[in-house]
Amino acid sequence: MKVGIIGLGLIGGSLGLTLRSLGWDVLGVSRNPQTCEAAVAQGVVDRASVELSQLKPAEIIFICTPMGLIVPIAQQLVPWLSPATIVTDVGSVKTPIVESLAPIWPNFVGGHPMAGTAAQGLGAAQLGLFKDRPYVLTPVETTPPESLEQVTKIVRSLQAKVYHCSPQDHDRAVALISHLPVFVSAGLIATCTDRPVDSVQDLAQKLASSGFADTSRVGGGNPELGRMMAQYNREALRESLLSYRQGLDRVLTWIENEDWAALDGYLQKTQQGRPKFL
């Protein structure tokens, strides 16, 4: 069986490594010829090319490019597909992608693996990246059940935890637990770096330890990815940011009024709530 992967970075490379280990014949496509050569040399794919036409024999194709390229690449891919070919993607926002691609390719199944590392690119690809991680599939009314079933089987073979939901529910959920944290974390970094350079900032940099590292990690990630989260999931992210800002305003009021009982109740509630998301 043949699978195609467009975009040989962290996610596409990790998919290739894992699927090859399961016996799939993996065909890769990258815009960069050097990436194609490296992917073959590293055992990520069996064959690689800069040409989409190479994917004509593939039974299922994963589009693993940045979000802004998913729809244009899918549109370029359509002439090379047989009617039975299944196309899926790994974009972290689903509604605009599904709404654009479902009408032009009936066998499109929206997907989003909730896995990754701080490192990017083909060199960061790893076998087993998706093990025990959520992998969301977002079918719509026109999605063929057999196509959804096939993608579900492949995702389960990655040892991922498969979830099905609507594109809209997916986007609202990831706005809360993925996209909002990026901007909260970025705001934390900005608060520390935007202040005047003085002995306090210098001392803060020297004292920063695991707590700051944990809470600032996603805010120090790929700027392009953060911008695309905001661009493609604008309304859901806006709602989440407004809710977060209201929460900060409440905390500020309690501190200004020395309402320690209210603050204590708030922190007890957050302490009890955190395990639900782990």
C-alpha atoms as a PDB file:
ATOM      1  CA  MET A   1       0.000   0.000   0.000  1.00  0.00           C
ATOM      2  CA  LYS A   2       1.233   3.459  -0.870  1.00  0.00           C
ATOM      3  CA  VAL A   3       0.854   6.646   1.149  1.00  0.00           C
ATOM      4  CA  GLY A   4       1.898  10.127   0.067  1.00  0.00           C
ATOM      5  CA  ILE A   5       3.189  12.884   2.333  1.00  0.00           C
ATOM      6  CA  ILE A   6       3.449  16.493   1.184  1.00  0.00           C
ATOM      7  CA  GLY A   7       5.691  18.520   3.462  1.00  0.00           C
ATOM      8  CA  LEU A   8       8.591  16.728   5.092  1.00  0.00           C
ATOM      9  CA  GLY A   9       9.042  18.640   8.327  1.00  0.00           C
ATOM     10  CA  LEU A  10       8.514  17.474  11.900  1.00  0.00           C
ATOM     11  CA  ILE A  11       4.977  16.121  11.395  1.00  0.00           C
ATOM     12  CA  GLY A  12       5.367  14.834   7.841  1.00  0.00           C
ATOM     13  CA  GLY A  13       8.757  13.315   8.627  1.00  0.00           C
ATOM     14  CA  SER A  14       7.475  11.617  11.770  1.00  0.00           C
ATOM     15  CA  LEU A  15       4.493  10.244   9.835  1.00  0.00           C
ATOM     16  CA  GLY A  16       6.849   8.861   7.219  1.00  0.00           C
ATOM     17  CA  LEU A  17       9.108   7.162   9.751  1.00  0.00           C
ATOM     18  CA  THR A  18       6.189   5.570  11.567  1.00  0.00           C
ATOM     19  CA  LEU A  19       4.258   4.457   8.485  1.00  0.00           C
ATOM     20  CA  ARG A  20       7.363   2.949   6.896  1.00  0.00           C
ATOM     21  CA  SER A  21       7.961   0.996  10.097  1.00  0.00           C
ATOM     22  CA  LEU A  22       4.437  -0.404   9.650  1.00  0.00           C
ATOM     23  CA  GLY A  23       5.152  -1.571   6.110  1.00  0.00           C
ATOM     24  CA  TRP A  24       3.713   1.267   4.030  1.00  0.00           C
ATOM     25  CA  ASP A  25       5.436   2.389   0.837  1.00  0.00           C
ATOM     26  CA  VAL A  26       5.878   6.112   1.524  1.00  0.00           C
ATOM     27  CA  LEU A  27       6.145   8.707  -1.240  1.00  0.00           C
ATOM     28  CA  GLY A  28       7.279  12.174  -0.180  1.00  0.00           C
ATOM     29  CA  VAL A  29       7.027  15.613  -1.757  1.00  0.00           C
ATOM     30  CA  SER A  30       8.914  18.744  -0.723  1.00  0.00           C
ATOM     31  CA  ARG A  31       9.573  22.035  -2.457  1.00  0.00           C
ATOM     32  CA  ASN A  32      13.249  21.687  -1.546  1.00  0.00           C
ATOM     33  CA  PRO A  33      15.257  19.064  -3.515  1.00  0.00           C
ATOM     34  CA  GLN A  34      17.777  18.838  -0.664  1.00  0.00           C
ATOM     35  CA  THR A  35      14.978  17.949   1.758  1.00  0.00           C
ATOM     36  CA  CYS A  36      13.864  15.216  -0.638  1.00  0.00           C
ATOM     37  CA  GLU A  37      17.375  13.755  -0.703  1.00  0.00           C
ATOM     38  CA  ALA A  38      17.719  13.963   3.076  1.00  0.00           C
ATOM     39  CA  ALA A  39      14.323  12.319   3.639  1.00  0.00           C
ATOM     40  CA  VAL A  40      15.336   9.302   1.546  1.00  0.00           C
ATOM     41  CA  ALA A  41      18.765   9.120   3.178  1.00  0.00           C
ATOM     42  CA  GLN A  42      17.243   9.232   6.684  1.00  0.00           C
ATOM     43  CA  GLY A  43      14.686   6.523   5.917  1.00  0.00           C
ATOM     44  CA  VAL A  44      11.730   8.882   6.265  1.00  0.00           C
ATOM     45  CA  VAL A  45      10.364   8.024   2.797  1.00  0.00           C
ATOM     46  CA  ASP A  46      11.020   5.427   0.129  1.00  0.00           C
ATOM     47  CA  ARG A  47      11.068   7.985  -2.663  1.00  0.00           C
ATOM     48  CA  ALA A  48      10.814  11.771  -2.742  1.00  0.00           C
ATOM     49  CA  SER A  49      10.351  14.443  -5.362  1.00  0.00           C
ATOM     50  CA  VAL A  50       9.448  18.091  -5.806  1.00  0.00           C
ATOM     51  CA  GLU A  51       6.669  17.031  -8.188  1.00  0.00           C
ATOM     52  CA  LEU A  52       3.112  16.367  -6.992  1.00  0.00           C
ATOM     53  CA  SER A  53       2.667  13.977  -9.915  1.00  0.00           C
ATOM     54  CA  GLN A  54       4.766  11.428  -8.012  1.00  0.00           C
ATOM     55  CA  LEU A  55       1.796  10.913  -5.680  1.00  0.00           C
ATOM     56  CA  LYS A  56      -0.507   9.601  -8.409  1.00  0.00           C
ATOM     57  CA  PRO A  57      -0.215   5.963  -7.187  1.00  0.00           C
ATOM     58  CA  ALA A  58      -0.898   6.858  -3.531  1.00  0.00           C
ATOM     59  CA  GLU A  59      -4.078   5.554  -1.896  1.00  0.00           C
ATOM     60  CA  ILE A  60      -4.021   8.168   0.851  1.00  0.00           C
ATOM     61  CA  ILE A  61      -2.181  11.496   0.951  1.00  0.00           C
ATOM     62  CA  PHE A  62      -1.308  13.567   4.024  1.00  0.00           C
ATOM     63  CA  ILE A  63      -0.781  17.302   3.451  1.00  0.00           C
ATOM     64  CA  CYS A  64       1.675  18.364   6.151  1.00  0.00           C
ATOM     65  CA  THR A  65       2.550  21.870   5.013  1.00  0.00           C
ATOM     66  CA  PRO A  66       2.005  25.133   6.906  1.00  0.00           C
ATOM     67  CA  MET A  67      -1.692  26.010   7.103  1.00  0.00           C
ATOM     68  CA  GLY A  68      -1.552  28.740   4.503  1.00  0.00           C
ATOM     69  CA  LEU A  69      -0.362  26.263   1.860  1.00  0.00           C
ATOM     70  CA  ILE A  70      -2.775  23.398   2.520  1.00  0.00           C
ATOM     71  CA  VAL A  71      -5.654  24.593   0.327  1.00  0.00           C
ATOM     72  CA  PRO A  72      -3.503  25.824  -2.621  1.00  0.00           C
ATOM     73  CA  ILE A  73      -1.508  22.580  -2.649  1.00  0.00           C
ATOM     74  CA  ALA A  74      -4.652  20.453  -2.484  1.00  0.00           C
ATOM     75  CA  GLN A  75      -6.045  22.375  -5.460  1.00  0.00           C
ATOM     76  CA  GLN A  76      -2.844  21.662  -7.423  1.00  0.00           C
ATOM     77  CA  LEU A  77      -2.974  18.014  -6.345  1.00  0.00           C
ATOM     78  CA  VAL A  78      -6.509  17.251  -7.583  1.00  0.00           C
ATOM     79  CA  PRO A  79      -5.589  16.665 -11.282  1.00  0.00           C
ATOM     80  CA  TRP A  80      -3.218  13.849 -10.237  1.00  0.00           C
ATOM     81  CA  LEU A  81      -5.690  11.972  -8.065  1.00  0.00           C
ATOM     82  CA  SER A  82      -7.781   8.935  -8.847  1.00  0.00           C
ATOM     83  CA  PRO A  83     -11.415   9.161  -7.623  1.00  0.00           C
ATOM     84  CA  ALA A  84     -10.702   6.702  -4.785  1.00  0.00           C
ATOM     85  CA  THR A  85      -7.698   8.576  -3.369  1.00  0.00           C
ATOM     86  CA  ILE A  86      -8.207   9.859   0.161  1.00  0.00           C
ATOM     87  CA  VAL A  87      -6.693  13.233   1.097  1.00  0.00           C
ATOM     88  CA  THR A  88      -6.222  14.411   4.671  1.00  0.00           C
ATOM     89  CA  ASP A  89      -4.255  17.197   6.328  1.00  0.00           C
ATOM     90  CA  VAL A  90      -2.640  18.039   9.673  1.00  0.00           C
ATOM     91  CA  GLY A  91      -3.596  21.709  10.026  1.00  0.00           C
ATOM     92  CA  SER A  92      -4.272  22.996  13.531  1.00  0.00           C
ATOM     93  CA  VAL A  93      -7.378  24.918  12.371  1.00  0.00           C
ATOM     94  CA  LYS A  94     -10.058  22.928  10.595  1.00  0.00           C
ATOM     95  CA  THR A  95     -13.106  24.985   9.599  1.00  0.00           C
ATOM     96  CA  PRO A  96     -11.611  27.079   6.766  1.00  0.00           C
ATOM     97  CA  ILE A  97      -9.664  24.112   5.404  1.00  0.00           C
ATOM     98  CA  VAL A  98     -12.595  21.684   5.430  1.00  0.00           C
ATOM     99  CA  GLU A  99     -14.974  24.286   3.982  1.00  0.00           C
ATOM    100  CA  SER A 100     -12.526  24.913   1.120  1.00  0.00           C
ATOM    101  CA  LEU A 101     -11.542  21.335   0.308  1.00  0.00           C
ATOM    102  CA  ALA A 102     -14.636  19.198   0.935  1.00  0.00           C
ATOM    103  CA  PRO A 103     -16.455  20.699  -2.093  1.00  0.00           C
ATOM    104  CA  ILE A 104     -13.546  20.082  -4.482  1.00  0.00           C
ATOM    105  CA  TRP A 105     -12.517  16.625  -3.215  1.00  0.00           C
ATOM    106  CA  PRO A 106     -15.244  14.389  -1.756  1.00  0.00           C
ATOM    107  CA  ASN A 107     -12.680  12.039  -0.191  1.00  0.00           C
ATOM    108  CA  PHE A 108     -11.138  14.761   1.959  1.00  0.00           C
ATOM    109  CA  VAL A 109     -10.957  14.085   5.720  1.00  0.00           C
ATOM    110  CA  GLY A 110      -9.793  16.934   7.941  1.00  0.00           C
ATOM    111  CA  GLY A 111      -7.219  15.927  10.545  1.00  0.00           C
ATOM    112  CA  HIS A 112      -5.089  17.387  13.318  1.00  0.00           C
ATOM    113  CA  PRO A 113      -2.462  15.437  15.275  1.00  0.00           C
ATOM    114  CA  MET A 114      -1.966  17.094  18.661  1.00  0.00           C
ATOM    115  CA  ALA A 115       1.722  16.232  18.808  1.00  0.00           C
ATOM    116  CA  GLY A 116       4.951  18.088  18.345  1.00  0.00           C
ATOM    117  CA  THR A 117       8.206  19.269  19.863  1.00  0.00           C
ATOM    118  CA  ALA A 118       9.990  22.572  20.263  1.00  0.00           C
ATOM    119  CA  ALA A 119      12.248  21.593  17.349  1.00  0.00           C
ATOM    120  CA  GLN A 120      11.119  21.954  13.742  1.00  0.00           C
ATOM    121  CA  GLY A 121      12.077  20.538  10.376  1.00  0.00           C
ATOM    122  CA  LEU A 122      12.959  17.133   8.982  1.00  0.00           C
ATOM    123  CA  GLY A 123      15.830  16.710  11.423  1.00  0.00           C
ATOM    124  CA  ALA A 124      13.363  16.773  14.322  1.00  0.00           C
ATOM    125  CA  ALA A 125      11.255  13.899  12.920  1.00  0.00           C
ATOM    126  CA  GLN A 126      10.949  10.949  15.251  1.00  0.00           C
ATOM    127  CA  LEU A 127       9.475   7.499  15.278  1.00  0.00           C
ATOM    128  CA  GLY A 128       6.504   7.240  17.626  1.00  0.00           C
ATOM    129  CA  LEU A 129       5.779  10.970  17.836  1.00  0.00           C
ATOM    130  CA  PHE A 130       2.019  10.324  17.801  1.00  0.00           C
ATOM    131  CA  LYS A 131       1.913   7.521  20.354  1.00  0.00           C
ATOM    132  CA  ASP A 132      -0.693   8.217  23.066  1.00  0.00           C
ATOM    133  CA  ARG A 133      -1.318  11.703  21.670  1.00  0.00           C
ATOM    134  CA  PRO A 134      -4.743  12.993  20.541  1.00  0.00           C
ATOM    135  CA  TYR A 135      -5.368  12.912  16.804  1.00  0.00           C
ATOM    136  CA  VAL A 136      -8.600  14.670  15.792  1.00  0.00           C
ATOM    137  CA  LEU A 137     -10.562  13.891  12.626  1.00  0.00           C
ATOM    138  CA  THR A 138     -13.278  16.336  11.561  1.00  0.00           C
ATOM    139  CA  PRO A 139     -15.759  14.727   9.144  1.00  0.00           C
ATOM    140  CA  VAL A 140     -18.723  16.616   7.736  1.00  0.00           C
ATOM    141  CA  GLU A 141     -22.029  15.389   6.288  1.00  0.00           C
ATOM    142  CA  THR A 142     -20.501  14.818   2.852  1.00  0.00           C
ATOM    143  CA  THR A 143     -17.486  12.836   4.112  1.00  0.00           C
ATOM    144  CA  PRO A 144     -17.728   9.231   2.839  1.00  0.00           C
ATOM    145  CA  PRO A 145     -17.909   6.874   5.852  1.00  0.00           C
ATOM    146  CA  GLU A 146     -15.421   4.469   4.237  1.00  0.00           C
ATOM    147  CA  SER A 147     -12.875   7.287   3.829  1.00  0.00           C
ATOM    148  CA  LEU A 148     -13.260   8.306   7.459  1.00  0.00           C
ATOM    149  CA  GLU A 149     -12.911   4.659   8.497  1.00  0.00           C
ATOM    150  CA  GLN A 150      -9.713   4.246   6.477  1.00  0.00           C
ATOM    151  CA  VAL A 151      -8.078   7.366   7.923  1.00  0.00           C
ATOM    152  CA  THR A 152      -9.182   6.305  11.413  1.00  0.00           C
ATOM    153  CA  LYS A 153      -7.504   2.909  10.969  1.00  0.00           C
ATOM    154  CA  ILE A 154      -4.251   4.508   9.859  1.00  0.00           C
ATOM    155  CA  VAL A 155      -4.266   6.976  12.742  1.00  0.00           C
ATOM    156  CA  ARG A 156      -4.897   4.152  15.205  1.00  0.00           C
ATOM    157  CA  SER A 157      -1.930   2.308  13.720  1.00  0.00           C
ATOM    158  CA  LEU A 158       0.183   5.286  14.843  1.00  0.00           C
ATOM    159  CA  GLN A 159      -0.980   4.408  18.394  1.00  0.00           C
ATOM    160  CA  ALA A 160      -2.628   7.822  18.648  1.00  0.00           C
ATOM    161  CA  LYS A 161      -5.881   8.509  20.495  1.00  0.00           C
ATOM    162  CA  VAL A 162      -8.487   9.166  17.798  1.00  0.00           C
ATOM    163  CA  TYR A 163     -11.304  11.670  18.287  1.00  0.00           C
ATOM    164  CA  HIS A 164     -14.069  12.653  15.861  1.00  0.00           C
ATOM    165  CA  CYS A 165     -15.804  16.039  16.037  1.00  0.00           C
ATOM    166  CA  SER A 166     -17.070  18.828  13.811  1.00  0.00           C
ATOM    167  CA  PRO A 167     -14.531  21.314  12.409  1.00  0.00           C
ATOM    168  CA  GLN A 168     -16.214  24.111  14.373  1.00  0.00           C
ATOM    169  CA  ASP A 169     -16.057  22.302  17.722  1.00  0.00           C
ATOM    170  CA  HIS A 170     -12.429  21.426  17.058  1.00  0.00           C
ATOM    171  CA  ASP A 171     -11.519  25.046  16.441  1.00  0.00           C
ATOM    172  CA  ARG A 172     -13.248  26.286  19.585  1.00  0.00           C
ATOM    173  CA  ALA A 173     -11.548  23.618  21.679  1.00  0.00           C
ATOM    174  CA  VAL A 174      -8.034  24.193  20.345  1.00  0.00           C
ATOM    175  CA  ALA A 175      -8.506  27.945  20.753  1.00  0.00           C
ATOM    176  CA  LEU A 176      -8.749  27.284  24.486  1.00  0.00           C
ATOM    177  CA  ILE A 177      -6.039  24.674  25.032  1.00  0.00           C
ATOM    178  CA  SER A 178      -3.576  25.336  22.212  1.00  0.00           C
ATOM    179  CA  HIS A 179      -3.891  28.753  20.597  1.00  0.00           C
ATOM    180  CA  LEU A 180      -4.712  30.819  23.699  1.00  0.00           C
ATOM    181  CA  PRO A 181      -1.671  29.413  25.593  1.00  0.00           C
ATOM    182  CA  VAL A 182       0.620  30.564  22.782  1.00  0.00           C
ATOM    183  CA  PHE A 183      -0.470  34.184  23.210  1.00  0.00           C
ATOM    184  CA  VAL A 184      -0.634  34.031  27.008  1.00  0.00           C
ATOM    185  CA  SER A 185       2.893  32.640  26.997  1.00  0.00           C
ATOM    186  CA  ALA A 186       4.047  35.251  24.478  1.00  0.00           C
ATOM    187  CA  GLY A 187       2.544  37.954  26.698  1.00  0.00           C
ATOM    188  CA  LEU A 188       4.497  36.629  29.674  1.00  0.00           C
ATOM    189  CA  ILE A 189       7.742  36.851  27.717  1.00  0.00           C
ATOM    190  CA  ALA A 190       6.878  40.321  26.433  1.00  0.00           C
ATOM    191  CA  THR A 191       6.078  41.542  29.949  1.00  0.00           C
ATOM    192  CA  CYS A 192       9.551  40.516  31.065  1.00  0.00           C
ATOM    193  CA  THR A 193      11.441  41.769  28.014  1.00  0.00           C
ATOM    194  CA  ASP A 194       9.571  45.021  27.307  1.00  0.00           C
ATOM    195  CA  ARG A 195      10.484  46.618  30.626  1.00  0.00           C
ATOM    196  CA  PRO A 196      13.539  48.923  30.700  1.00  0.00           C
ATOM    197  CA  VAL A 197      16.839  47.079  30.664  1.00  0.00           C
ATOM    198  CA  ASP A 198      18.088  47.405  34.224  1.00  0.00           C
ATOM    199  CA  SER A 199      19.432  45.370  37.091  1.00  0.00           C
ATOM    200  CA  VAL A 200      15.989  43.887  37.778  1.00  0.00           C
ATOM    201  CA  GLN A 201      15.614  42.502  34.253  1.00  0.00           C
ATOM    202  CA  ASP A 202      19.163  41.181  34.370  1.00  0.00           C
ATOM    203  CA  LEU A 203      18.464  39.483  37.696  1.00  0.00           C
ATOM    204  CA  ALA A 204      15.168  38.053  36.412  1.00  0.00           C
ATOM    205  CA  GLN A 205      16.971  36.471  33.476  1.00  0.00           C
ATOM    206  CA  LYS A 206      19.511  34.891  35.806  1.00  0.00           C
ATOM    207  CA  LEU A 207      16.883  33.603  38.245  1.00  0.00           C
ATOM    208  CA  ALA A 208      14.471  32.211  35.643  1.00  0.00           C
ATOM    209  CA  SER A 209      14.204  28.462  36.110  1.00  0.00           C
ATOM    210  CA  SER A 210      11.894  25.552  35.297  1.00  0.00           C
ATOM    211  CA  GLY A 211       8.662  27.400  36.150  1.00  0.00           C
ATOM    212  CA  PHE A 212       9.367  30.197  33.685  1.00  0.00           C
ATOM    213  CA  ALA A 213      10.670  27.709  31.120  1.00  0.00           C
ATOM    214  CA  ASP A 214       7.460  25.662  31.330  1.00  0.00           C
ATOM    215  CA  THR A 215       5.080  28.616  31.086  1.00  0.00           C
ATOM    216  CA  SER A 216       7.006  30.446  28.351  1.00  0.00           C
ATOM    217  CA  ARG A 217       7.825  27.504  26.058  1.00  0.00           C
ATOM    218  CA  VAL A 218       4.972  27.811  23.553  1.00  0.00           C
ATOM    219  CA  GLY A 219       5.266  31.608  23.433  1.00  0.00           C
ATOM    220  CA  GLY A 220       8.851  31.251  22.265  1.00  0.00           C
ATOM    221  CA  GLY A 221       7.947  28.952  19.371  1.00  0.00           C
ATOM    222  CA  ASN A 222       7.618  29.463  15.638  1.00  0.00           C
ATOM    223  CA  PRO A 223       6.220  33.002  15.017  1.00  0.00           C
ATOM    224  CA  GLU A 224       4.677  31.976  11.677  1.00  0.00           C
ATOM    225  CA  LEU A 225       2.685  29.219  13.356  1.00  0.00           C
ATOM    226  CA  GLY A 226       1.369  31.617  16.003  1.00  0.00           C
ATOM    227  CA  ARG A 227       0.360  34.161  13.396  1.00  0.00           C
ATOM    228  CA  MET A 228      -1.486  31.491  11.395  1.00  0.00           C
ATOM    229  CA  MET A 229      -3.365  30.395  14.518  1.00  0.00           C
ATOM    230  CA  ALA A 230      -4.653  33.939  14.895  1.00  0.00           C
ATOM    231  CA  GLN A 231      -5.348  34.400  11.185  1.00  0.00           C
ATOM    232  CA  TYR A 232      -7.220  31.148  10.574  1.00  0.00           C
ATOM    233  CA  ASN A 233      -8.926  30.768  13.963  1.00  0.00           C
ATOM    234  CA  ARG A 234      -9.588  34.444  14.525  1.00  0.00           C
ATOM    235  CA  GLU A 235     -13.048  34.415  16.110  1.00  0.00           C
ATOM    236  CA  ALA A 236     -12.519  31.447  18.436  1.00  0.00           C
ATOM    237  CA  LEU A 237      -9.158  32.823  19.573  1.00  0.00           C
ATOM    238  CA  ARG A 238     -10.681  36.269  20.096  1.00  0.00           C
ATOM    239  CA  GLU A 239     -13.385  34.792  22.350  1.00  0.00           C
ATOM    240  CA  SER A 240     -10.773  32.893  24.353  1.00  0.00           C
ATOM    241  CA  LEU A 241      -8.543  35.942  24.753  1.00  0.00           C
ATOM    242  CA  LEU A 242     -11.483  38.077  25.911  1.00  0.00           C
ATOM    243  CA  SER A 243     -12.441  35.456  28.498  1.00  0.00           C
ATOM    244  CA  TYR A 244      -8.846  35.250  29.698  1.00  0.00           C
ATOM    245  CA  ARG A 245      -8.602  39.040  29.945  1.00  0.00           C
ATOM    246  CA  GLN A 246     -11.770  39.139  32.044  1.00  0.00           C
ATOM    247  CA  GLY A 247     -10.234  36.583  34.374  1.00  0.00           C
ATOM    248  CA  LEU A 248      -7.082  38.670  34.738  1.00  0.00           C
ATOM    249  CA  ASP A 249      -9.196  41.747  35.488  1.00  0.00           C
ATOM    250  CA  ARG A 250     -10.920  39.853  38.315  1.00  0.00           C
ATOM    251  CA  VAL A 251      -7.578  38.801  39.776  1.00  0.00           C
ATOM    252  CA  LEU A 252      -6.285  42.363  39.550  1.00  0.00           C
ATOM    253  CA  THR A 253      -9.381  43.677  41.357  1.00  0.00           C
ATOM    254  CA  TRP A 254      -9.005  41.138  44.163  1.00  0.00           C
ATOM    255  CA  ILE A 255      -5.363  42.087  44.652  1.00  0.00           C
ATOM    256  CA  GLU A 256      -6.096  45.806  44.580  1.00  0.00           C
ATOM    257  CA  ASN A 257      -8.900  45.328  47.143  1.00  0.00           C
ATOM    258  CA  GLU A 258      -6.859  42.874  49.205  1.00  0.00           C
ATOM    259  CA  ASP A 259      -9.650  40.329  48.806  1.00  0.00           C
ATOM    260  CA  TRP A 260      -7.498  37.354  49.718  1.00  0.00           C
ATOM    261  CA  ALA A 261     -10.470  35.056  50.289  1.00  0.00           C
ATOM    262  CA  ALA A 262     -11.641  35.495  46.694  1.00  0.00           C
ATOM    263  CA  LEU A 263      -8.112  34.976  45.413  1.00  0.00           C
ATOM    264  CA  ASP A 264      -7.704  31.861  47.524  1.00  0.00           C
ATOM    265  CA  GLY A 265     -10.972  30.432  46.185  1.00  0.00           C
ATOM    266  CA  TYR A 266      -9.885  31.159  42.622  1.00  0.00           C
ATOM    267  CA  LEU A 267      -6.541  29.384  43.068  1.00  0.00           C
ATOM    268  CA  GLN A 268      -8.195  26.418  44.755  1.00  0.00           C
ATOM    269  CA  LYS A 269     -10.540  26.127  41.778  1.00  0.00           C
ATOM    270  CA  THR A 270      -7.656  26.232  39.276  1.00  0.00           C
ATOM    271  CA  GLN A 271      -5.727  23.670  41.320  1.00  0.00           C
ATOM    272  CA  GLN A 272      -8.704  21.292  41.192  1.00  0.00           C
ATOM    273  CA  GLY A 273      -9.347  21.959  37.507  1.00  0.00           C
ATOM    274  CA  ARG A 274      -5.885  21.369  36.096  1.00  0.00           C
ATOM    275  CA  PRO A 275      -5.822  17.531  36.332  1.00  0.00           C
ATOM    276  CA  LYS A 276      -8.825  17.373  33.992  1.00  0.00           C
ATOM    277  CA  PHE A 277      -6.614  18.622  31.150  1.00  0.00           C
ATOM    278  CA  LEU A 278      -3.634  16.324  31.712  1.00  0.00           C
END
